[in-house]
Amino acid sequence: MTNLTPITLHPNLDPWERQPKESQKRYAQFCHYRDQGRTRTLRKSAESLALAEGYVRDVASAFKWRERVEAYDRHLDRQYEAMWLEERRKAAETDAKILGAAIGKLAQRLTSLNPAELTAGDFIRLMDVAMRHRRVLFGDPTETIAVTGDGSNALAKQFEDFAQMTPEQRRARLGELAASVNQRIKAVDGSDDQDDEQEG
C-alpha cells in the first residue's frame, strides 16, 4: 500500500481546483479522472494513465477524488440548469413579443369593426382569443372573468350581455376591449414602465 498523507480540502477553493499540498502531477491525475465524465471509474483511469489500479485507488482516497468529482458534477448541473433557464427566458420573451404583435393586430381590427354587423358569435370568439392570449402572457388563472348567479361559463355570460347591447353599447364595449388589449401589449414590451418613468 502506498504511504500517502490525506489532504484537507481548502475552504476557499472549489473542491475540483488544485488543493494545497497537491503537486501538479497529482492534480493532473485527478483532472484526468474528473474529465472522464459520469461514467468515470478508477479502473479506467488506471488503465489510461498506465498506473497500477491499487496505486490509483490509494491516490484517489488520499486526495479525495470521489468527493471532489461529486462537487464538480453538481457544479456542472447548476451551470447546465442556469443555461437552460436563460434559454427558456429568452424563448418566453420572444414568444411574448410574437403574441403581443398578434394581439396588436386584433386590437387594430377591433377598432375598425362595425358593431351593427358583428354577431354575438363573432364577439365571443374575439373575447376568447383576447383572454387566452392574456392568460398565456400573464399567467392568469383559466377563468379571469368573475361569474355570479347560476355559475354559467364566463364567455357565455359575455355572449349574453353583448347580445342585449345596442349598436352604440357594442361599439363602446369593443373600444374598451381594444384599449385593454393595447394596454397589455404595452405591458409586454415595457412601454408602460417607460411612460411611468418619464412622468415621475
N, C-alpha and C. Protein backbone atom coordinates (compact mmCIF):
# COMPACT_ATOMS: atom_id res chain seq x y z
N MET A 1 0.84 -1.19 0.00
CA MET A 1 0.00 0.00 0.00
C MET A 1 0.88 1.25 0.00
N THR A 2 0.49 2.22 -0.82
CA THR A 2 1.25 3.47 -0.91
C THR A 2 1.04 4.30 0.34
N ASN A 3 2.10 4.86 0.86
CA ASN A 3 2.01 5.68 2.06
C ASN A 3 1.76 7.13 1.66
N LEU A 4 0.49 7.54 1.67
CA LEU A 4 0.10 8.88 1.27
C LEU A 4 -0.62 9.57 2.41
N THR A 5 -0.27 10.83 2.64
CA THR A 5 -0.95 11.61 3.68
C THR A 5 -2.20 12.25 3.07
N PRO A 6 -3.37 11.96 3.63
CA PRO A 6 -4.61 12.53 3.08
C PRO A 6 -4.58 14.07 3.14
N ILE A 7 -5.10 14.68 2.14
CA ILE A 7 -5.15 16.14 2.11
C ILE A 7 -6.44 16.64 2.75
N THR A 8 -6.42 17.91 3.13
CA THR A 8 -7.62 18.59 3.60
C THR A 8 -8.03 19.60 2.54
N LEU A 9 -9.29 19.55 2.12
CA LEU A 9 -9.75 20.46 1.09
C LEU A 9 -9.80 21.88 1.63
N HIS A 10 -9.28 22.82 0.88
CA HIS A 10 -9.23 24.21 1.32
C HIS A 10 -10.63 24.83 1.23
N PRO A 11 -11.09 25.48 2.30
CA PRO A 11 -12.46 26.02 2.30
C PRO A 11 -12.69 27.15 1.30
N ASN A 12 -11.62 27.82 0.87
CA ASN A 12 -11.77 28.93 -0.07
C ASN A 12 -11.53 28.55 -1.52
N LEU A 13 -11.35 27.26 -1.75
CA LEU A 13 -11.16 26.78 -3.11
C LEU A 13 -12.28 25.82 -3.47
N ASP A 14 -12.69 25.83 -4.73
CA ASP A 14 -13.63 24.81 -5.17
C ASP A 14 -12.94 23.46 -5.08
N PRO A 15 -13.64 22.41 -4.67
CA PRO A 15 -13.00 21.10 -4.46
C PRO A 15 -12.30 20.56 -5.70
N TRP A 16 -12.79 20.92 -6.89
CA TRP A 16 -12.18 20.40 -8.12
C TRP A 16 -10.95 21.20 -8.55
N GLU A 17 -10.62 22.27 -7.82
CA GLU A 17 -9.40 23.02 -8.11
C GLU A 17 -8.21 22.35 -7.42
N ARG A 18 -7.03 22.77 -7.86
CA ARG A 18 -5.81 22.23 -7.25
C ARG A 18 -5.75 22.67 -5.79
N GLN A 19 -5.50 21.71 -4.91
CA GLN A 19 -5.51 21.96 -3.49
C GLN A 19 -4.09 22.15 -2.94
N PRO A 20 -3.99 22.80 -1.75
CA PRO A 20 -2.68 22.92 -1.10
C PRO A 20 -2.08 21.52 -0.88
N LYS A 21 -0.80 21.41 -1.04
CA LYS A 21 -0.06 20.15 -0.87
C LYS A 21 -0.41 19.13 -1.96
N GLU A 22 -1.01 19.59 -3.04
CA GLU A 22 -1.28 18.69 -4.17
C GLU A 22 -0.34 19.10 -5.31
N SER A 23 0.55 18.22 -5.67
CA SER A 23 1.51 18.55 -6.73
C SER A 23 0.80 18.68 -8.09
N GLN A 24 1.48 19.29 -9.01
CA GLN A 24 0.92 19.43 -10.36
C GLN A 24 0.65 18.06 -10.98
N LYS A 25 1.56 17.12 -10.69
CA LYS A 25 1.40 15.76 -11.22
C LYS A 25 0.15 15.10 -10.64
N ARG A 26 -0.02 15.22 -9.31
CA ARG A 26 -1.20 14.62 -8.66
C ARG A 26 -2.49 15.29 -9.17
N TYR A 27 -2.44 16.60 -9.35
CA TYR A 27 -3.62 17.32 -9.83
C TYR A 27 -3.96 16.90 -11.26
N ALA A 28 -2.97 16.71 -12.09
CA ALA A 28 -3.20 16.26 -13.47
C ALA A 28 -3.86 14.89 -13.47
N GLN A 29 -3.45 14.02 -12.54
CA GLN A 29 -4.08 12.70 -12.44
C GLN A 29 -5.54 12.84 -12.03
N PHE A 30 -5.80 13.71 -11.07
CA PHE A 30 -7.19 13.95 -10.66
C PHE A 30 -8.02 14.49 -11.82
N CYS A 31 -7.47 15.47 -12.55
CA CYS A 31 -8.20 16.07 -13.68
C CYS A 31 -8.52 15.02 -14.74
N HIS A 32 -7.60 14.10 -14.94
CA HIS A 32 -7.84 13.02 -15.90
C HIS A 32 -9.06 12.20 -15.47
N TYR A 33 -9.12 11.89 -14.19
CA TYR A 33 -10.26 11.14 -13.65
C TYR A 33 -11.53 11.98 -13.72
N ARG A 34 -11.44 13.23 -13.31
CA ARG A 34 -12.59 14.13 -13.30
C ARG A 34 -13.20 14.30 -14.69
N ASP A 35 -12.33 14.47 -15.68
CA ASP A 35 -12.80 14.82 -17.02
C ASP A 35 -13.28 13.63 -17.84
N GLN A 36 -13.27 12.45 -17.25
CA GLN A 36 -13.84 11.29 -17.94
C GLN A 36 -15.37 11.33 -17.93
N GLY A 37 -15.95 12.24 -17.15
CA GLY A 37 -17.41 12.33 -17.10
C GLY A 37 -18.01 11.36 -16.11
N ARG A 38 -19.32 11.23 -16.15
CA ARG A 38 -20.03 10.47 -15.12
C ARG A 38 -19.88 8.97 -15.25
N THR A 39 -19.29 8.52 -16.32
CA THR A 39 -19.02 7.09 -16.44
C THR A 39 -17.61 6.75 -15.97
N ARG A 40 -16.96 7.72 -15.35
CA ARG A 40 -15.58 7.54 -14.89
C ARG A 40 -15.47 6.40 -13.89
N THR A 41 -14.37 5.72 -13.93
CA THR A 41 -14.05 4.71 -12.91
C THR A 41 -12.55 4.80 -12.63
N LEU A 42 -12.17 4.36 -11.45
CA LEU A 42 -10.76 4.35 -11.11
C LEU A 42 -10.00 3.35 -11.98
N ARG A 43 -10.66 2.26 -12.33
CA ARG A 43 -10.01 1.26 -13.19
C ARG A 43 -9.67 1.86 -14.55
N LYS A 44 -10.64 2.59 -15.16
CA LYS A 44 -10.37 3.20 -16.47
C LYS A 44 -9.25 4.23 -16.36
N SER A 45 -9.24 4.99 -15.27
CA SER A 45 -8.18 5.98 -15.09
C SER A 45 -6.83 5.30 -14.96
N ALA A 46 -6.79 4.21 -14.19
CA ALA A 46 -5.52 3.49 -14.01
C ALA A 46 -5.01 2.97 -15.35
N GLU A 47 -5.93 2.45 -16.16
CA GLU A 47 -5.52 1.91 -17.46
C GLU A 47 -5.00 3.01 -18.38
N SER A 48 -5.71 4.11 -18.46
CA SER A 48 -5.31 5.18 -19.38
C SER A 48 -4.08 5.93 -18.89
N LEU A 49 -3.86 5.94 -17.57
CA LEU A 49 -2.66 6.59 -17.02
C LEU A 49 -1.48 5.63 -16.95
N ALA A 50 -1.74 4.36 -17.30
CA ALA A 50 -0.70 3.32 -17.24
C ALA A 50 -0.14 3.18 -15.83
N LEU A 51 -1.05 3.18 -14.85
CA LEU A 51 -0.67 3.02 -13.44
C LEU A 51 -1.39 1.81 -12.86
N ALA A 52 -0.84 1.28 -11.80
CA ALA A 52 -1.48 0.15 -11.14
C ALA A 52 -2.80 0.60 -10.51
N GLU A 53 -3.83 -0.24 -10.64
CA GLU A 53 -5.14 0.13 -10.12
C GLU A 53 -5.11 0.36 -8.61
N GLY A 54 -4.35 -0.47 -7.89
CA GLY A 54 -4.27 -0.30 -6.44
C GLY A 54 -3.64 1.04 -6.07
N TYR A 55 -2.63 1.43 -6.82
CA TYR A 55 -1.96 2.72 -6.58
C TYR A 55 -2.94 3.87 -6.81
N VAL A 56 -3.69 3.78 -7.91
CA VAL A 56 -4.64 4.85 -8.22
C VAL A 56 -5.72 4.93 -7.14
N ARG A 57 -6.14 3.79 -6.63
CA ARG A 57 -7.15 3.79 -5.56
C ARG A 57 -6.61 4.49 -4.31
N ASP A 58 -5.35 4.23 -3.99
CA ASP A 58 -4.74 4.87 -2.82
C ASP A 58 -4.64 6.39 -3.02
N VAL A 59 -4.21 6.80 -4.22
CA VAL A 59 -4.12 8.24 -4.52
C VAL A 59 -5.50 8.88 -4.47
N ALA A 60 -6.49 8.20 -5.07
CA ALA A 60 -7.85 8.74 -5.10
C ALA A 60 -8.42 8.92 -3.69
N SER A 61 -8.10 7.96 -2.82
CA SER A 61 -8.59 8.05 -1.45
C SER A 61 -7.92 9.20 -0.69
N ALA A 62 -6.60 9.29 -0.81
CA ALA A 62 -5.86 10.33 -0.09
C ALA A 62 -6.21 11.73 -0.59
N PHE A 63 -6.44 11.84 -1.89
CA PHE A 63 -6.71 13.16 -2.48
C PHE A 63 -8.20 13.41 -2.75
N LYS A 64 -9.03 12.56 -2.13
CA LYS A 64 -10.48 12.77 -2.10
C LYS A 64 -11.10 12.96 -3.50
N TRP A 65 -10.69 12.13 -4.41
CA TRP A 65 -11.16 12.27 -5.79
C TRP A 65 -12.68 12.17 -5.89
N ARG A 66 -13.25 11.17 -5.24
CA ARG A 66 -14.70 10.97 -5.39
C ARG A 66 -15.49 12.15 -4.81
N GLU A 67 -15.10 12.61 -3.67
CA GLU A 67 -15.77 13.78 -3.07
C GLU A 67 -15.65 14.99 -3.99
N ARG A 68 -14.50 15.15 -4.59
CA ARG A 68 -14.25 16.32 -5.44
C ARG A 68 -15.01 16.24 -6.77
N VAL A 69 -15.07 15.03 -7.34
CA VAL A 69 -15.80 14.93 -8.61
C VAL A 69 -17.31 15.04 -8.40
N GLU A 70 -17.80 14.62 -7.25
CA GLU A 70 -19.23 14.81 -6.95
C GLU A 70 -19.56 16.30 -6.88
N ALA A 71 -18.67 17.05 -6.24
CA ALA A 71 -18.87 18.51 -6.18
C ALA A 71 -18.78 19.11 -7.58
N TYR A 72 -17.88 18.59 -8.40
CA TYR A 72 -17.71 19.08 -9.77
C TYR A 72 -18.95 18.78 -10.61
N ASP A 73 -19.50 17.58 -10.46
CA ASP A 73 -20.70 17.21 -11.21
C ASP A 73 -21.88 18.09 -10.80
N ARG A 74 -22.01 18.38 -9.51
CA ARG A 74 -23.09 19.27 -9.05
C ARG A 74 -22.91 20.67 -9.64
N HIS A 75 -21.66 21.10 -9.69
CA HIS A 75 -21.34 22.41 -10.29
C HIS A 75 -21.77 22.45 -11.76
N LEU A 76 -21.47 21.40 -12.50
CA LEU A 76 -21.88 21.34 -13.91
C LEU A 76 -23.39 21.31 -14.04
N ASP A 77 -24.06 20.61 -13.14
CA ASP A 77 -25.53 20.56 -13.16
C ASP A 77 -26.12 21.95 -12.97
N ARG A 78 -25.55 22.71 -12.03
CA ARG A 78 -26.05 24.07 -11.80
C ARG A 78 -25.82 24.95 -13.02
N GLN A 79 -24.65 24.81 -13.64
CA GLN A 79 -24.36 25.58 -14.85
C GLN A 79 -25.32 25.23 -15.97
N TYR A 80 -25.57 23.94 -16.13
CA TYR A 80 -26.48 23.47 -17.18
C TYR A 80 -27.89 23.99 -16.93
N GLU A 81 -28.32 23.90 -15.67
CA GLU A 81 -29.67 24.38 -15.33
C GLU A 81 -29.79 25.89 -15.57
N ALA A 82 -28.77 26.63 -15.17
CA ALA A 82 -28.79 28.09 -15.37
C ALA A 82 -28.82 28.43 -16.85
N MET A 83 -28.07 27.67 -17.65
CA MET A 83 -28.05 27.92 -19.09
C MET A 83 -29.43 27.71 -19.70
N TRP A 84 -30.11 26.61 -19.30
CA TRP A 84 -31.42 26.35 -19.88
C TRP A 84 -32.49 27.27 -19.34
N LEU A 85 -32.34 27.72 -18.10
CA LEU A 85 -33.27 28.72 -17.58
C LEU A 85 -33.17 30.00 -18.40
N GLU A 86 -31.94 30.38 -18.75
CA GLU A 86 -31.74 31.57 -19.57
C GLU A 86 -32.30 31.37 -20.97
N GLU A 87 -32.12 30.18 -21.52
CA GLU A 87 -32.66 29.90 -22.85
C GLU A 87 -34.19 29.94 -22.83
N ARG A 88 -34.77 29.39 -21.75
CA ARG A 88 -36.24 29.42 -21.64
C ARG A 88 -36.73 30.86 -21.46
N ARG A 89 -35.96 31.66 -20.71
CA ARG A 89 -36.35 33.06 -20.53
C ARG A 89 -36.35 33.79 -21.86
N LYS A 90 -35.29 33.56 -22.65
CA LYS A 90 -35.21 34.21 -23.95
C LYS A 90 -36.35 33.76 -24.86
N ALA A 91 -36.66 32.46 -24.82
CA ALA A 91 -37.74 31.93 -25.65
C ALA A 91 -39.08 32.53 -25.24
N ALA A 92 -39.30 32.65 -23.91
CA ALA A 92 -40.56 33.24 -23.43
C ALA A 92 -40.66 34.70 -23.84
N GLU A 93 -39.53 35.40 -23.80
CA GLU A 93 -39.53 36.81 -24.19
C GLU A 93 -39.86 36.95 -25.68
N THR A 94 -39.29 36.07 -26.49
CA THR A 94 -39.58 36.08 -27.93
C THR A 94 -41.05 35.75 -28.18
N ASP A 95 -41.56 34.72 -27.47
CA ASP A 95 -42.96 34.34 -27.63
C ASP A 95 -43.89 35.48 -27.23
N ALA A 96 -43.53 36.19 -26.16
CA ALA A 96 -44.36 37.31 -25.71
C ALA A 96 -44.44 38.40 -26.77
N LYS A 97 -43.31 38.65 -27.44
CA LYS A 97 -43.31 39.66 -28.49
C LYS A 97 -44.19 39.23 -29.67
N ILE A 98 -44.10 37.94 -30.02
CA ILE A 98 -44.92 37.43 -31.12
C ILE A 98 -46.40 37.51 -30.76
N LEU A 99 -46.72 37.08 -29.53
CA LEU A 99 -48.11 37.15 -29.09
C LEU A 99 -48.59 38.59 -29.00
N GLY A 100 -47.69 39.47 -28.55
CA GLY A 100 -48.06 40.88 -28.47
C GLY A 100 -48.38 41.44 -29.84
N ALA A 101 -47.58 41.05 -30.85
CA ALA A 101 -47.85 41.52 -32.21
C ALA A 101 -49.19 40.99 -32.71
N ALA A 102 -49.48 39.72 -32.39
CA ALA A 102 -50.75 39.14 -32.81
C ALA A 102 -51.93 39.85 -32.16
N ILE A 103 -51.80 40.14 -30.87
CA ILE A 103 -52.88 40.85 -30.17
C ILE A 103 -53.01 42.26 -30.71
N GLY A 104 -51.87 42.84 -31.10
CA GLY A 104 -51.93 44.18 -31.69
C GLY A 104 -52.77 44.20 -32.95
N LYS A 105 -52.62 43.16 -33.78
CA LYS A 105 -53.44 43.05 -34.99
C LYS A 105 -54.91 42.94 -34.63
N LEU A 106 -55.18 42.16 -33.59
CA LEU A 106 -56.56 42.03 -33.13
C LEU A 106 -57.11 43.37 -32.66
N ALA A 107 -56.30 44.09 -31.89
CA ALA A 107 -56.75 45.39 -31.38
C ALA A 107 -57.04 46.36 -32.53
N GLN A 108 -56.19 46.36 -33.56
CA GLN A 108 -56.43 47.22 -34.72
C GLN A 108 -57.73 46.85 -35.42
N ARG A 109 -57.97 45.54 -35.51
CA ARG A 109 -59.20 45.09 -36.17
C ARG A 109 -60.43 45.47 -35.37
N LEU A 110 -60.34 45.42 -34.06
CA LEU A 110 -61.50 45.76 -33.22
C LEU A 110 -61.97 47.18 -33.47
N THR A 111 -61.00 48.09 -33.63
CA THR A 111 -61.39 49.49 -33.80
C THR A 111 -62.06 49.76 -35.13
N SER A 112 -61.88 48.86 -36.12
CA SER A 112 -62.47 49.08 -37.44
C SER A 112 -63.74 48.27 -37.67
N LEU A 113 -64.11 47.43 -36.70
CA LEU A 113 -65.31 46.62 -36.87
C LEU A 113 -66.57 47.47 -36.76
N ASN A 114 -67.57 47.08 -37.52
CA ASN A 114 -68.89 47.73 -37.43
C ASN A 114 -69.72 46.95 -36.43
N PRO A 115 -69.98 47.51 -35.27
CA PRO A 115 -70.72 46.77 -34.24
C PRO A 115 -72.08 46.27 -34.71
N ALA A 116 -72.70 47.01 -35.64
CA ALA A 116 -74.02 46.60 -36.12
C ALA A 116 -73.94 45.30 -36.91
N GLU A 117 -72.76 45.02 -37.52
CA GLU A 117 -72.58 43.82 -38.33
C GLU A 117 -71.94 42.68 -37.55
N LEU A 118 -71.49 42.97 -36.35
CA LEU A 118 -70.79 41.96 -35.55
C LEU A 118 -71.80 41.11 -34.80
N THR A 119 -71.78 39.82 -35.05
CA THR A 119 -72.70 38.93 -34.34
C THR A 119 -72.16 38.63 -32.95
N ALA A 120 -73.06 38.13 -32.13
CA ALA A 120 -72.64 37.76 -30.79
C ALA A 120 -71.60 36.65 -30.85
N GLY A 121 -71.72 35.76 -31.84
CA GLY A 121 -70.74 34.69 -32.01
C GLY A 121 -69.36 35.24 -32.35
N ASP A 122 -69.33 36.27 -33.22
CA ASP A 122 -68.06 36.91 -33.56
C ASP A 122 -67.43 37.51 -32.31
N PHE A 123 -68.26 38.16 -31.51
CA PHE A 123 -67.75 38.82 -30.31
C PHE A 123 -67.16 37.81 -29.34
N ILE A 124 -67.87 36.71 -29.14
CA ILE A 124 -67.38 35.74 -28.16
C ILE A 124 -66.07 35.11 -28.63
N ARG A 125 -65.90 34.92 -29.95
CA ARG A 125 -64.63 34.41 -30.46
C ARG A 125 -63.50 35.40 -30.22
N LEU A 126 -63.79 36.69 -30.45
CA LEU A 126 -62.78 37.72 -30.20
C LEU A 126 -62.40 37.76 -28.72
N MET A 127 -63.42 37.67 -27.86
CA MET A 127 -63.15 37.67 -26.42
C MET A 127 -62.29 36.46 -26.04
N ASP A 128 -62.63 35.31 -26.62
CA ASP A 128 -61.89 34.09 -26.30
C ASP A 128 -60.43 34.22 -26.70
N VAL A 129 -60.17 34.75 -27.90
CA VAL A 129 -58.80 34.94 -28.36
C VAL A 129 -58.05 35.89 -27.43
N ALA A 130 -58.68 37.03 -27.11
CA ALA A 130 -58.03 38.02 -26.27
C ALA A 130 -57.72 37.46 -24.88
N MET A 131 -58.68 36.74 -24.30
CA MET A 131 -58.48 36.22 -22.95
C MET A 131 -57.44 35.11 -22.93
N ARG A 132 -57.42 34.28 -23.97
CA ARG A 132 -56.41 33.22 -24.00
C ARG A 132 -55.01 33.80 -24.13
N HIS A 133 -54.85 34.81 -24.98
CA HIS A 133 -53.55 35.47 -25.10
C HIS A 133 -53.16 36.11 -23.78
N ARG A 134 -54.10 36.71 -23.11
CA ARG A 134 -53.82 37.36 -21.83
C ARG A 134 -53.33 36.33 -20.81
N ARG A 135 -53.97 35.17 -20.78
CA ARG A 135 -53.56 34.14 -19.83
C ARG A 135 -52.17 33.61 -20.15
N VAL A 136 -51.88 33.44 -21.45
CA VAL A 136 -50.56 32.95 -21.84
C VAL A 136 -49.47 33.93 -21.44
N LEU A 137 -49.70 35.21 -21.70
CA LEU A 137 -48.69 36.23 -21.44
C LEU A 137 -48.50 36.51 -19.96
N PHE A 138 -49.60 36.48 -19.20
CA PHE A 138 -49.51 36.93 -17.82
C PHE A 138 -49.76 35.84 -16.79
N GLY A 139 -50.01 34.62 -17.25
CA GLY A 139 -50.15 33.51 -16.32
C GLY A 139 -51.37 33.60 -15.44
N ASP A 140 -52.44 34.18 -15.96
CA ASP A 140 -53.66 34.29 -15.17
C ASP A 140 -54.35 32.93 -15.05
N PRO A 141 -55.22 32.79 -14.06
CA PRO A 141 -55.99 31.56 -13.95
C PRO A 141 -56.86 31.36 -15.19
N THR A 142 -57.36 30.16 -15.36
CA THR A 142 -58.18 29.86 -16.54
C THR A 142 -59.40 30.76 -16.62
N GLU A 143 -60.07 30.96 -15.52
CA GLU A 143 -61.24 31.85 -15.51
C GLU A 143 -60.80 33.22 -15.00
N THR A 144 -60.80 34.21 -15.87
CA THR A 144 -60.36 35.54 -15.46
C THR A 144 -61.52 36.50 -15.31
N ILE A 145 -62.73 36.05 -15.64
CA ILE A 145 -63.90 36.90 -15.51
C ILE A 145 -64.78 36.32 -14.41
N ALA A 146 -65.07 37.12 -13.42
CA ALA A 146 -65.88 36.63 -12.31
C ALA A 146 -67.30 36.38 -12.78
N VAL A 147 -67.85 35.24 -12.35
CA VAL A 147 -69.22 34.89 -12.73
C VAL A 147 -70.00 34.64 -11.45
N THR A 148 -71.17 35.21 -11.38
CA THR A 148 -72.01 35.00 -10.21
C THR A 148 -73.34 34.44 -10.68
N GLY A 149 -74.17 34.02 -9.73
CA GLY A 149 -75.50 33.55 -10.10
C GLY A 149 -75.49 32.06 -10.35
N ASP A 150 -75.89 31.66 -11.58
CA ASP A 150 -76.07 30.24 -11.86
C ASP A 150 -74.77 29.51 -12.17
N GLY A 151 -73.63 30.21 -12.13
CA GLY A 151 -72.35 29.55 -12.35
C GLY A 151 -72.09 29.23 -13.81
N SER A 152 -72.72 29.97 -14.72
CA SER A 152 -72.53 29.71 -16.15
C SER A 152 -71.13 30.09 -16.58
N ASN A 153 -70.71 29.63 -17.76
CA ASN A 153 -69.40 29.91 -18.31
C ASN A 153 -69.18 31.40 -18.48
N ALA A 154 -67.93 31.87 -18.20
CA ALA A 154 -67.65 33.31 -18.26
C ALA A 154 -67.90 33.87 -19.65
N LEU A 155 -67.47 33.16 -20.70
CA LEU A 155 -67.68 33.67 -22.05
C LEU A 155 -69.15 33.63 -22.43
N ALA A 156 -69.89 32.65 -21.94
CA ALA A 156 -71.32 32.60 -22.21
C ALA A 156 -72.02 33.82 -21.61
N LYS A 157 -71.56 34.25 -20.44
CA LYS A 157 -72.11 35.45 -19.80
C LYS A 157 -71.81 36.68 -20.66
N GLN A 158 -70.58 36.77 -21.17
CA GLN A 158 -70.23 37.87 -22.07
C GLN A 158 -71.10 37.85 -23.33
N PHE A 159 -71.33 36.66 -23.84
CA PHE A 159 -72.18 36.49 -25.03
C PHE A 159 -73.58 37.04 -24.77
N GLU A 160 -74.12 36.64 -23.63
CA GLU A 160 -75.48 37.07 -23.29
C GLU A 160 -75.56 38.59 -23.15
N ASP A 161 -74.56 39.18 -22.47
CA ASP A 161 -74.56 40.63 -22.29
C ASP A 161 -74.41 41.35 -23.62
N PHE A 162 -73.52 40.86 -24.48
CA PHE A 162 -73.27 41.52 -25.75
C PHE A 162 -74.49 41.46 -26.66
N ALA A 163 -75.21 40.33 -26.62
CA ALA A 163 -76.38 40.16 -27.48
C ALA A 163 -77.48 41.17 -27.15
N GLN A 164 -77.51 41.64 -25.90
CA GLN A 164 -78.55 42.57 -25.47
C GLN A 164 -78.16 44.04 -25.64
N MET A 165 -76.94 44.31 -26.11
CA MET A 165 -76.47 45.69 -26.24
C MET A 165 -76.99 46.33 -27.52
N THR A 166 -77.14 47.64 -27.46
CA THR A 166 -77.44 48.42 -28.66
C THR A 166 -76.15 48.56 -29.46
N PRO A 167 -76.24 48.95 -30.75
CA PRO A 167 -75.01 49.15 -31.53
C PRO A 167 -74.04 50.12 -30.87
N GLU A 168 -74.55 51.18 -30.25
CA GLU A 168 -73.67 52.13 -29.57
C GLU A 168 -72.97 51.49 -28.39
N GLN A 169 -73.69 50.68 -27.64
CA GLN A 169 -73.10 49.99 -26.49
C GLN A 169 -72.06 48.96 -26.95
N ARG A 170 -72.37 48.30 -28.07
CA ARG A 170 -71.41 47.34 -28.61
C ARG A 170 -70.13 48.04 -29.03
N ARG A 171 -70.29 49.21 -29.67
CA ARG A 171 -69.12 49.98 -30.10
C ARG A 171 -68.27 50.36 -28.89
N ALA A 172 -68.93 50.80 -27.81
CA ALA A 172 -68.21 51.18 -26.60
C ALA A 172 -67.49 49.98 -25.99
N ARG A 173 -68.19 48.82 -25.98
CA ARG A 173 -67.59 47.62 -25.40
C ARG A 173 -66.37 47.18 -26.21
N LEU A 174 -66.47 47.25 -27.53
CA LEU A 174 -65.34 46.89 -28.37
C LEU A 174 -64.17 47.85 -28.16
N GLY A 175 -64.50 49.13 -27.97
CA GLY A 175 -63.45 50.11 -27.68
C GLY A 175 -62.73 49.80 -26.38
N GLU A 176 -63.50 49.39 -25.36
CA GLU A 176 -62.89 49.01 -24.08
C GLU A 176 -61.99 47.79 -24.24
N LEU A 177 -62.46 46.82 -25.03
CA LEU A 177 -61.67 45.62 -25.25
C LEU A 177 -60.38 45.95 -25.98
N ALA A 178 -60.47 46.79 -27.00
CA ALA A 178 -59.28 47.19 -27.75
C ALA A 178 -58.30 47.93 -26.85
N ALA A 179 -58.83 48.83 -26.00
CA ALA A 179 -57.95 49.57 -25.08
C ALA A 179 -57.26 48.63 -24.11
N SER A 180 -58.01 47.62 -23.62
CA SER A 180 -57.44 46.66 -22.68
C SER A 180 -56.33 45.86 -23.34
N VAL A 181 -56.57 45.43 -24.58
CA VAL A 181 -55.55 44.67 -25.31
C VAL A 181 -54.31 45.52 -25.54
N ASN A 182 -54.51 46.77 -25.97
CA ASN A 182 -53.38 47.67 -26.20
C ASN A 182 -52.57 47.89 -24.93
N GLN A 183 -53.26 48.03 -23.81
CA GLN A 183 -52.58 48.22 -22.53
C GLN A 183 -51.71 47.02 -22.19
N ARG A 184 -52.20 45.82 -22.50
CA ARG A 184 -51.43 44.62 -22.20
C ARG A 184 -50.24 44.49 -23.13
N ILE A 185 -50.40 44.94 -24.38
CA ILE A 185 -49.26 44.94 -25.31
C ILE A 185 -48.16 45.85 -24.78
N LYS A 186 -48.55 47.04 -24.29
CA LYS A 186 -47.57 47.96 -23.73
C LYS A 186 -46.86 47.35 -22.52
N ALA A 187 -47.64 46.60 -21.73
CA ALA A 187 -47.03 45.97 -20.55
C ALA A 187 -46.00 44.93 -20.97
N VAL A 188 -46.28 44.22 -22.07
CA VAL A 188 -45.34 43.20 -22.54
C VAL A 188 -44.05 43.82 -23.05
N ASP A 189 -44.17 44.90 -23.86
CA ASP A 189 -42.95 45.49 -24.43
C ASP A 189 -42.29 46.52 -23.53
N GLY A 190 -42.89 46.79 -22.35
CA GLY A 190 -42.26 47.67 -21.38
C GLY A 190 -42.55 49.14 -21.58
N SER A 191 -43.39 49.50 -22.55
CA SER A 191 -43.63 50.92 -22.80
C SER A 191 -44.40 51.59 -21.67
N ASP A 192 -45.21 50.80 -20.94
CA ASP A 192 -45.90 51.36 -19.77
C ASP A 192 -44.91 51.83 -18.73
N ASP A 193 -43.87 51.00 -18.47
CA ASP A 193 -42.87 51.36 -17.48
C ASP A 193 -42.11 52.62 -17.90
N GLN A 194 -41.81 52.71 -19.20
CA GLN A 194 -41.08 53.88 -19.68
C GLN A 194 -41.92 55.14 -19.50
N ASP A 195 -43.22 55.03 -19.80
CA ASP A 195 -44.10 56.18 -19.63
C ASP A 195 -44.14 56.61 -18.17
N ASP A 196 -44.20 55.59 -17.27
CA ASP A 196 -44.24 55.93 -15.84
C ASP A 196 -42.98 56.65 -15.40
N GLU A 197 -41.81 56.18 -15.95
CA GLU A 197 -40.55 56.80 -15.56
C GLU A 197 -40.47 58.24 -16.06
N GLN A 198 -41.02 58.49 -17.26
CA GLN A 198 -40.97 59.84 -17.80
C GLN A 198 -41.88 60.79 -17.03
N GLU A 199 -43.02 60.23 -16.55
CA GLU A 199 -43.95 61.06 -15.79
C GLU A 199 -43.41 61.39 -14.41
N GLY A 200 -42.64 60.44 -13.83
CA GLY A 200 -42.14 60.57 -12.45
C GLY A 200 -41.06 61.60 -12.32
